Amino acid sequence: MRTIEPETDEQVVSSGWTTAIAILMIVLGIIAIAFPFFASVASTLVFGWVFIFAGITQIVYAFQSRGAGKVIGKLILGLLYLLAGILVVVNPLKGVLALTLVLGITIFLQGIIQVSIAFQMRRISPNWGLMLVSGIIGIIFGIFVWSNFPFGAVWLIGTFIGINLLFDGVWMLTLHSGQRRALP
């Protein structure tokens, strides 16, 4: 029984961090929902900087490769990452538009694929209908993004990020509270 106590103590200590992170996520989610334009621009800038750092890393890696073909391919990829990142950071509003367009296309195509797989799964799984509904919602949502483009782009990503942060924070908080009650 002594070996169980340190694990329990460790869970309680880490649950304090989990609670703090969950509350922070909820607050950030509410802020992003309240100010979706700023959340859209901020998230786009983060993606831009990630692309810049990925481009620099890829360029450095390219020069460490052997063989001209490998170096050139990796160098071109690194330069594309770097250029895309710079373009987004220099003009984040265009980055928001591009990110929203890619998001809409991705969700629409994912919905089509899910509908197709759902029909293939109808003889195998009794829950194929849930996948079908999810796919149909994805198709509708993709059309919604397209139909509101470009006007909806400035608030769409920020709102989605806010909703995602809010729900992630809520499930982390509720999961933590359930664990704390379960501890002796």
Foldseek 3Di string as FASTA:
>chain_A
DVVVVVVLVVLVVVLVVLLVLLVVLQVLLVVLQVPVLVLLLVVLLVQLVVLLVQLVVLLVVLVVDDDPVSSVVSNVSSVVSNVSSVVCNVPVLVSLQVVLLVVLVVLLVLLVVLLVVLVVCVVPDVPSVVSNVSSVVSNVVSVVSVVCPPVCSSRVVSNVSSVVSNVVSVVSNVVSVVVVVVRD
